[in-house]
Amino acid sequence: MTSNPGRGSHNRVALICAVVAAAMTGAAFAAVPLYKAFCQATGFGGVIPRAAKAPGQVLNQTVKVYFDTNVRGLPWRFEALQRSQAVKVGATNVAYFRVVNNSDRTITGRAVYNVTPDSAGWHVRKLQCFCFNAETLEPHETVKWPVIYFIDPKFASDPDMKGYSDITLSYIFVPDPQEAAQAKHPAASS
């Protein structure tokens, strides 16, 4: 009987291919949460970083912040109680939003948010926001939620922000994906 000298190298190549395929599959599953964490930390793509405290430095520069509200796939009415605010860079501000559940059932939604222009996303910081978590409204419930935010003083010296004096914060309430998954698979939630 003769042995095949190339068989060992074929097995090694097959093992390497299997390991690479497994690593790529793992990377694909990790990509979304890692990208979300990256955007949250850096403000990339207009995602607003969460702030632990206000900066303490208020500049004389004023920026006009506009609020845009939308609802997709929910029987809710969602509106900003102010269309815009003129805010000092570095000052803590509060904007209020009203949400009404127009349905006869309890519904959980999640606010997806963005900032325009994208490059301003790093400078808009939120201390408190309904967009940090999923929110549940009872049938026909009306709630008023604050967003506490500030424009980071670094906005004034950022060359990418030169010439910008308007920022838009956009929120879209959508069905909470975890609630939707539980509705499709009720046995999994019990």
C-alpha atoms as a PDB file:
ATOM      1  CA  MET A   1       0.000   0.000   0.000  1.00  0.00           C
ATOM      2  CA  THR A   2       1.337   3.446  -0.883  1.00  0.00           C
ATOM      3  CA  SER A   3       0.643   6.539   1.121  1.00  0.00           C
ATOM      4  CA  ASN A   4      -0.432   9.793  -0.471  1.00  0.00           C
ATOM      5  CA  PRO A   5       2.156  12.453   0.462  1.00  0.00           C
ATOM      6  CA  GLY A   6      -0.169  15.356  -0.539  1.00  0.00           C
ATOM      7  CA  ARG A   7      -3.065  14.181   1.647  1.00  0.00           C
ATOM      8  CA  GLY A   8      -1.717  15.886   4.808  1.00  0.00           C
ATOM      9  CA  SER A   9      -1.406  19.245   3.073  1.00  0.00           C
ATOM     10  CA  HIS A  10      -4.969  18.898   1.693  1.00  0.00           C
ATOM     11  CA  ASN A  11      -6.286  18.280   5.204  1.00  0.00           C
ATOM     12  CA  ARG A  12      -4.373  21.291   6.500  1.00  0.00           C
ATOM     13  CA  VAL A  13      -5.803  23.540   3.737  1.00  0.00           C
ATOM     14  CA  ALA A  14      -9.324  22.239   4.461  1.00  0.00           C
ATOM     15  CA  LEU A  15      -8.874  22.957   8.181  1.00  0.00           C
ATOM     16  CA  ILE A  16      -7.604  26.490   7.471  1.00  0.00           C
ATOM     17  CA  CYS A  17     -10.563  27.129   5.143  1.00  0.00           C
ATOM     18  CA  ALA A  18     -12.999  25.914   7.813  1.00  0.00           C
ATOM     19  CA  VAL A  19     -11.424  28.164  10.463  1.00  0.00           C
ATOM     20  CA  VAL A  20     -11.513  31.179   8.124  1.00  0.00           C
ATOM     21  CA  ALA A  21     -15.170  30.479   7.231  1.00  0.00           C
ATOM     22  CA  ALA A  22     -16.091  30.213  10.933  1.00  0.00           C
ATOM     23  CA  ALA A  23     -14.231  33.463  11.713  1.00  0.00           C
ATOM     24  CA  MET A  24     -15.982  35.284   8.861  1.00  0.00           C
ATOM     25  CA  THR A  25     -19.392  34.034  10.048  1.00  0.00           C
ATOM     26  CA  GLY A  26     -18.633  35.241  13.573  1.00  0.00           C
ATOM     27  CA  ALA A  27     -17.476  38.615  12.242  1.00  0.00           C
ATOM     28  CA  ALA A  28     -20.690  38.967  10.234  1.00  0.00           C
ATOM     29  CA  PHE A  29     -22.818  38.451  13.361  1.00  0.00           C
ATOM     30  CA  ALA A  30     -20.658  40.840  15.391  1.00  0.00           C
ATOM     31  CA  ALA A  31     -20.589  43.566  12.721  1.00  0.00           C
ATOM     32  CA  VAL A  32     -23.941  45.213  13.543  1.00  0.00           C
ATOM     33  CA  PRO A  33     -23.439  45.575  17.313  1.00  0.00           C
ATOM     34  CA  LEU A  34     -19.816  46.623  16.824  1.00  0.00           C
ATOM     35  CA  TYR A  35     -20.798  49.211  14.205  1.00  0.00           C
ATOM     36  CA  LYS A  36     -23.549  50.542  16.487  1.00  0.00           C
ATOM     37  CA  ALA A  37     -21.083  50.825  19.391  1.00  0.00           C
ATOM     38  CA  PHE A  38     -18.543  52.560  17.131  1.00  0.00           C
ATOM     39  CA  CYS A  39     -21.154  55.074  15.904  1.00  0.00           C
ATOM     40  CA  GLN A  40     -22.387  55.716  19.449  1.00  0.00           C
ATOM     41  CA  ALA A  41     -18.839  56.338  20.679  1.00  0.00           C
ATOM     42  CA  THR A  42     -17.660  58.495  17.783  1.00  0.00           C
ATOM     43  CA  GLY A  43     -20.802  60.180  16.445  1.00  0.00           C
ATOM     44  CA  PHE A  44     -20.089  58.652  13.027  1.00  0.00           C
ATOM     45  CA  GLY A  45     -23.048  58.686  10.648  1.00  0.00           C
ATOM     46  CA  GLY A  46     -24.870  61.343  12.653  1.00  0.00           C
ATOM     47  CA  VAL A  47     -25.418  59.101  15.672  1.00  0.00           C
ATOM     48  CA  ILE A  48     -25.466  61.167  18.836  1.00  0.00           C
ATOM     49  CA  PRO A  49     -23.022  60.163  21.569  1.00  0.00           C
ATOM     50  CA  ARG A  50     -24.467  59.839  25.059  1.00  0.00           C
ATOM     51  CA  ALA A  51     -23.013  62.264  27.594  1.00  0.00           C
ATOM     52  CA  ALA A  52     -22.516  61.669  31.303  1.00  0.00           C
ATOM     53  CA  LYS A  53     -22.410  65.378  32.208  1.00  0.00           C
ATOM     54  CA  ALA A  54     -22.606  68.851  30.683  1.00  0.00           C
ATOM     55  CA  PRO A  55     -19.316  70.459  29.593  1.00  0.00           C
ATOM     56  CA  GLY A  56     -19.479  73.428  31.985  1.00  0.00           C
ATOM     57  CA  GLN A  57     -18.179  75.818  29.291  1.00  0.00           C
ATOM     58  CA  VAL A  58     -20.777  77.979  27.511  1.00  0.00           C
ATOM     59  CA  LEU A  59     -19.656  79.933  24.460  1.00  0.00           C
ATOM     60  CA  ASN A  60     -21.231  83.027  22.979  1.00  0.00           C
ATOM     61  CA  GLN A  61     -21.808  81.205  19.660  1.00  0.00           C
ATOM     62  CA  THR A  62     -25.456  80.338  18.894  1.00  0.00           C
ATOM     63  CA  VAL A  63     -26.682  77.383  16.835  1.00  0.00           C
ATOM     64  CA  LYS A  64     -30.257  76.833  15.708  1.00  0.00           C
ATOM     65  CA  VAL A  65     -31.417  73.257  16.404  1.00  0.00           C
ATOM     66  CA  TYR A  66     -34.444  71.990  14.442  1.00  0.00           C
ATOM     67  CA  PHE A  67     -36.520  68.962  15.471  1.00  0.00           C
ATOM     68  CA  ASP A  68     -37.978  66.521  12.968  1.00  0.00           C
ATOM     69  CA  THR A  69     -40.387  63.763  14.072  1.00  0.00           C
ATOM     70  CA  ASN A  70     -41.839  60.801  12.179  1.00  0.00           C
ATOM     71  CA  VAL A  71     -43.599  57.513  12.884  1.00  0.00           C
ATOM     72  CA  ARG A  72     -43.306  54.329  10.791  1.00  0.00           C
ATOM     73  CA  GLY A  73     -45.398  51.234  11.410  1.00  0.00           C
ATOM     74  CA  LEU A  74     -47.020  52.413  14.656  1.00  0.00           C
ATOM     75  CA  PRO A  75     -50.461  53.930  15.314  1.00  0.00           C
ATOM     76  CA  TRP A  76     -48.786  56.757  17.228  1.00  0.00           C
ATOM     77  CA  ARG A  77     -48.777  60.514  16.844  1.00  0.00           C
ATOM     78  CA  PHE A  78     -45.358  61.979  17.619  1.00  0.00           C
ATOM     79  CA  GLU A  79     -44.462  65.665  17.599  1.00  0.00           C
ATOM     80  CA  ALA A  80     -41.888  68.105  18.887  1.00  0.00           C
ATOM     81  CA  LEU A  81     -43.474  70.755  21.105  1.00  0.00           C
ATOM     82  CA  GLN A  82     -41.079  73.282  19.605  1.00  0.00           C
ATOM     83  CA  ARG A  83     -40.037  73.415  15.945  1.00  0.00           C
ATOM     84  CA  SER A  84     -36.577  74.759  16.766  1.00  0.00           C
ATOM     85  CA  GLN A  85     -34.418  76.256  19.495  1.00  0.00           C
ATOM     86  CA  ALA A  86     -31.628  78.816  19.322  1.00  0.00           C
ATOM     87  CA  VAL A  87     -29.024  77.436  21.735  1.00  0.00           C
ATOM     88  CA  LYS A  88     -25.649  78.606  22.995  1.00  0.00           C
ATOM     89  CA  VAL A  89     -22.800  76.191  22.298  1.00  0.00           C
ATOM     90  CA  GLY A  90     -22.008  74.389  25.563  1.00  0.00           C
ATOM     91  CA  ALA A  91     -25.304  75.276  27.302  1.00  0.00           C
ATOM     92  CA  THR A  92     -27.636  72.526  28.493  1.00  0.00           C
ATOM     93  CA  ASN A  93     -31.018  72.629  26.750  1.00  0.00           C
ATOM     94  CA  VAL A  94     -34.338  70.828  27.064  1.00  0.00           C
ATOM     95  CA  ALA A  95     -36.655  70.038  24.165  1.00  0.00           C
ATOM     96  CA  TYR A  96     -40.058  68.407  24.745  1.00  0.00           C
ATOM     97  CA  PHE A  97     -41.860  65.851  22.614  1.00  0.00           C
ATOM     98  CA  ARG A  98     -45.417  64.521  22.817  1.00  0.00           C
ATOM     99  CA  VAL A  99     -46.357  60.965  21.845  1.00  0.00           C
ATOM    100  CA  VAL A 100     -49.897  59.562  21.651  1.00  0.00           C
ATOM    101  CA  ASN A 101     -50.789  55.888  21.256  1.00  0.00           C
ATOM    102  CA  ASN A 102     -53.942  56.019  19.100  1.00  0.00           C
ATOM    103  CA  SER A 103     -54.569  52.269  19.351  1.00  0.00           C
ATOM    104  CA  ASP A 104     -56.589  50.059  21.703  1.00  0.00           C
ATOM    105  CA  ARG A 105     -53.542  48.012  22.737  1.00  0.00           C
ATOM    106  CA  THR A 106     -50.264  48.475  24.595  1.00  0.00           C
ATOM    107  CA  ILE A 107     -47.418  49.040  22.144  1.00  0.00           C
ATOM    108  CA  THR A 108     -43.655  49.327  22.515  1.00  0.00           C
ATOM    109  CA  GLY A 109     -41.722  51.484  20.089  1.00  0.00           C
ATOM    110  CA  ARG A 110     -38.159  52.594  19.683  1.00  0.00           C
ATOM    111  CA  ALA A 111     -36.964  55.978  18.466  1.00  0.00           C
ATOM    112  CA  VAL A 112     -34.248  55.862  15.845  1.00  0.00           C
ATOM    113  CA  TYR A 113     -32.398  59.159  15.636  1.00  0.00           C
ATOM    114  CA  ASN A 114     -29.988  60.970  13.398  1.00  0.00           C
ATOM    115  CA  VAL A 115     -28.306  64.339  13.031  1.00  0.00           C
ATOM    116  CA  THR A 116     -27.944  66.527   9.961  1.00  0.00           C
ATOM    117  CA  PRO A 117     -25.337  67.487   8.914  1.00  0.00           C
ATOM    118  CA  ASP A 118     -23.648  64.150   9.665  1.00  0.00           C
ATOM    119  CA  SER A 119     -20.442  65.846  10.783  1.00  0.00           C
ATOM    120  CA  ALA A 120     -22.375  67.613  13.578  1.00  0.00           C
ATOM    121  CA  GLY A 121     -23.321  64.264  15.131  1.00  0.00           C
ATOM    122  CA  TRP A 122     -20.153  64.153  17.207  1.00  0.00           C
ATOM    123  CA  HIS A 123     -20.896  67.560  18.737  1.00  0.00           C
ATOM    124  CA  VAL A 124     -24.552  67.014  19.743  1.00  0.00           C
ATOM    125  CA  ARG A 125     -24.546  65.272  23.121  1.00  0.00           C
ATOM    126  CA  LYS A 126     -27.572  63.934  24.969  1.00  0.00           C
ATOM    127  CA  LEU A 127     -27.832  63.631  28.720  1.00  0.00           C
ATOM    128  CA  GLN A 128     -31.377  62.220  28.665  1.00  0.00           C
ATOM    129  CA  CYS A 129     -33.505  60.961  25.768  1.00  0.00           C
ATOM    130  CA  PHE A 130     -36.467  58.683  25.116  1.00  0.00           C
ATOM    131  CA  CYS A 131     -34.328  57.345  22.252  1.00  0.00           C
ATOM    132  CA  PHE A 132     -31.935  55.561  24.644  1.00  0.00           C
ATOM    133  CA  ASN A 133     -34.461  52.769  25.329  1.00  0.00           C
ATOM    134  CA  ALA A 134     -37.627  51.224  23.953  1.00  0.00           C
ATOM    135  CA  GLU A 135     -40.750  53.022  25.212  1.00  0.00           C
ATOM    136  CA  THR A 136     -44.122  51.417  25.993  1.00  0.00           C
ATOM    137  CA  LEU A 137     -47.410  53.285  25.760  1.00  0.00           C
ATOM    138  CA  GLU A 138     -50.732  52.014  27.056  1.00  0.00           C
ATOM    139  CA  PRO A 139     -53.861  52.243  24.852  1.00  0.00           C
ATOM    140  CA  HIS A 140     -54.683  55.928  24.104  1.00  0.00           C
ATOM    141  CA  GLU A 141     -51.932  57.095  26.457  1.00  0.00           C
ATOM    142  CA  THR A 142     -50.343  60.517  25.894  1.00  0.00           C
ATOM    143  CA  VAL A 143     -46.861  61.218  27.252  1.00  0.00           C
ATOM    144  CA  LYS A 144     -44.526  64.196  27.184  1.00  0.00           C
ATOM    145  CA  TRP A 145     -40.832  63.376  27.145  1.00  0.00           C
ATOM    146  CA  PRO A 146     -37.824  65.685  27.491  1.00  0.00           C
ATOM    147  CA  VAL A 147     -34.565  65.470  25.589  1.00  0.00           C
ATOM    148  CA  ILE A 148     -31.755  67.086  27.544  1.00  0.00           C
ATOM    149  CA  TYR A 149     -28.823  67.918  25.285  1.00  0.00           C
ATOM    150  CA  PHE A 150     -25.979  70.316  24.536  1.00  0.00           C
ATOM    151  CA  ILE A 151     -23.719  71.229  21.647  1.00  0.00           C
ATOM    152  CA  ASP A 152     -20.136  70.389  22.608  1.00  0.00           C
ATOM    153  CA  PRO A 153     -17.869  73.468  22.768  1.00  0.00           C
ATOM    154  CA  LYS A 154     -15.485  71.716  20.320  1.00  0.00           C
ATOM    155  CA  PHE A 155     -18.130  72.494  17.672  1.00  0.00           C
ATOM    156  CA  ALA A 156     -16.814  76.075  17.544  1.00  0.00           C
ATOM    157  CA  SER A 157     -13.247  75.043  16.645  1.00  0.00           C
ATOM    158  CA  ASP A 158     -14.034  72.072  14.356  1.00  0.00           C
ATOM    159  CA  PRO A 159     -12.989  72.995  10.793  1.00  0.00           C
ATOM    160  CA  ASP A 160     -15.665  70.592   9.432  1.00  0.00           C
ATOM    161  CA  MET A 161     -18.352  72.704  11.127  1.00  0.00           C
ATOM    162  CA  LYS A 162     -17.133  76.050   9.790  1.00  0.00           C
ATOM    163  CA  GLY A 163     -20.101  77.879   8.271  1.00  0.00           C
ATOM    164  CA  TYR A 164     -22.745  75.646   9.864  1.00  0.00           C
ATOM    165  CA  SER A 165     -25.234  77.422  12.113  1.00  0.00           C
ATOM    166  CA  ASP A 166     -28.190  74.973  11.819  1.00  0.00           C
ATOM    167  CA  ILE A 167     -28.479  71.379  13.057  1.00  0.00           C
ATOM    168  CA  THR A 168     -31.468  69.066  12.664  1.00  0.00           C
ATOM    169  CA  LEU A 169     -32.232  66.294  15.147  1.00  0.00           C
ATOM    170  CA  SER A 170     -34.483  63.698  13.492  1.00  0.00           C
ATOM    171  CA  TYR A 171     -36.401  61.002  15.333  1.00  0.00           C
ATOM    172  CA  ILE A 172     -38.435  58.174  13.815  1.00  0.00           C
ATOM    173  CA  PHE A 173     -40.497  55.932  16.098  1.00  0.00           C
ATOM    174  CA  VAL A 174     -40.674  52.366  14.800  1.00  0.00           C
ATOM    175  CA  PRO A 175     -42.010  49.115  16.307  1.00  0.00           C
ATOM    176  CA  ASP A 176     -39.539  47.717  18.824  1.00  0.00           C
ATOM    177  CA  PRO A 177     -37.769  44.808  17.075  1.00  0.00           C
ATOM    178  CA  GLN A 178     -37.693  42.682  20.252  1.00  0.00           C
ATOM    179  CA  GLU A 179     -41.449  43.080  20.756  1.00  0.00           C
ATOM    180  CA  ALA A 180     -42.034  42.238  17.088  1.00  0.00           C
ATOM    181  CA  ALA A 181     -39.880  39.087  17.422  1.00  0.00           C
ATOM    182  CA  GLN A 182     -41.842  37.997  20.505  1.00  0.00           C
ATOM    183  CA  ALA A 183     -45.146  38.561  18.671  1.00  0.00           C
ATOM    184  CA  LYS A 184     -43.958  36.270  15.846  1.00  0.00           C
ATOM    185  CA  HIS A 185     -42.737  33.603  18.317  1.00  0.00           C
ATOM    186  CA  PRO A 186     -44.986  33.824  21.420  1.00  0.00           C
ATOM    187  CA  ALA A 187     -43.794  30.451  22.790  1.00  0.00           C
ATOM    188  CA  ALA A 188     -40.215  31.771  22.972  1.00  0.00           C
ATOM    189  CA  SER A 189     -41.210  34.613  25.321  1.00  0.00           C
ATOM    190  CA  SER A 190     -42.949  32.420  27.912  1.00  0.00           C
END
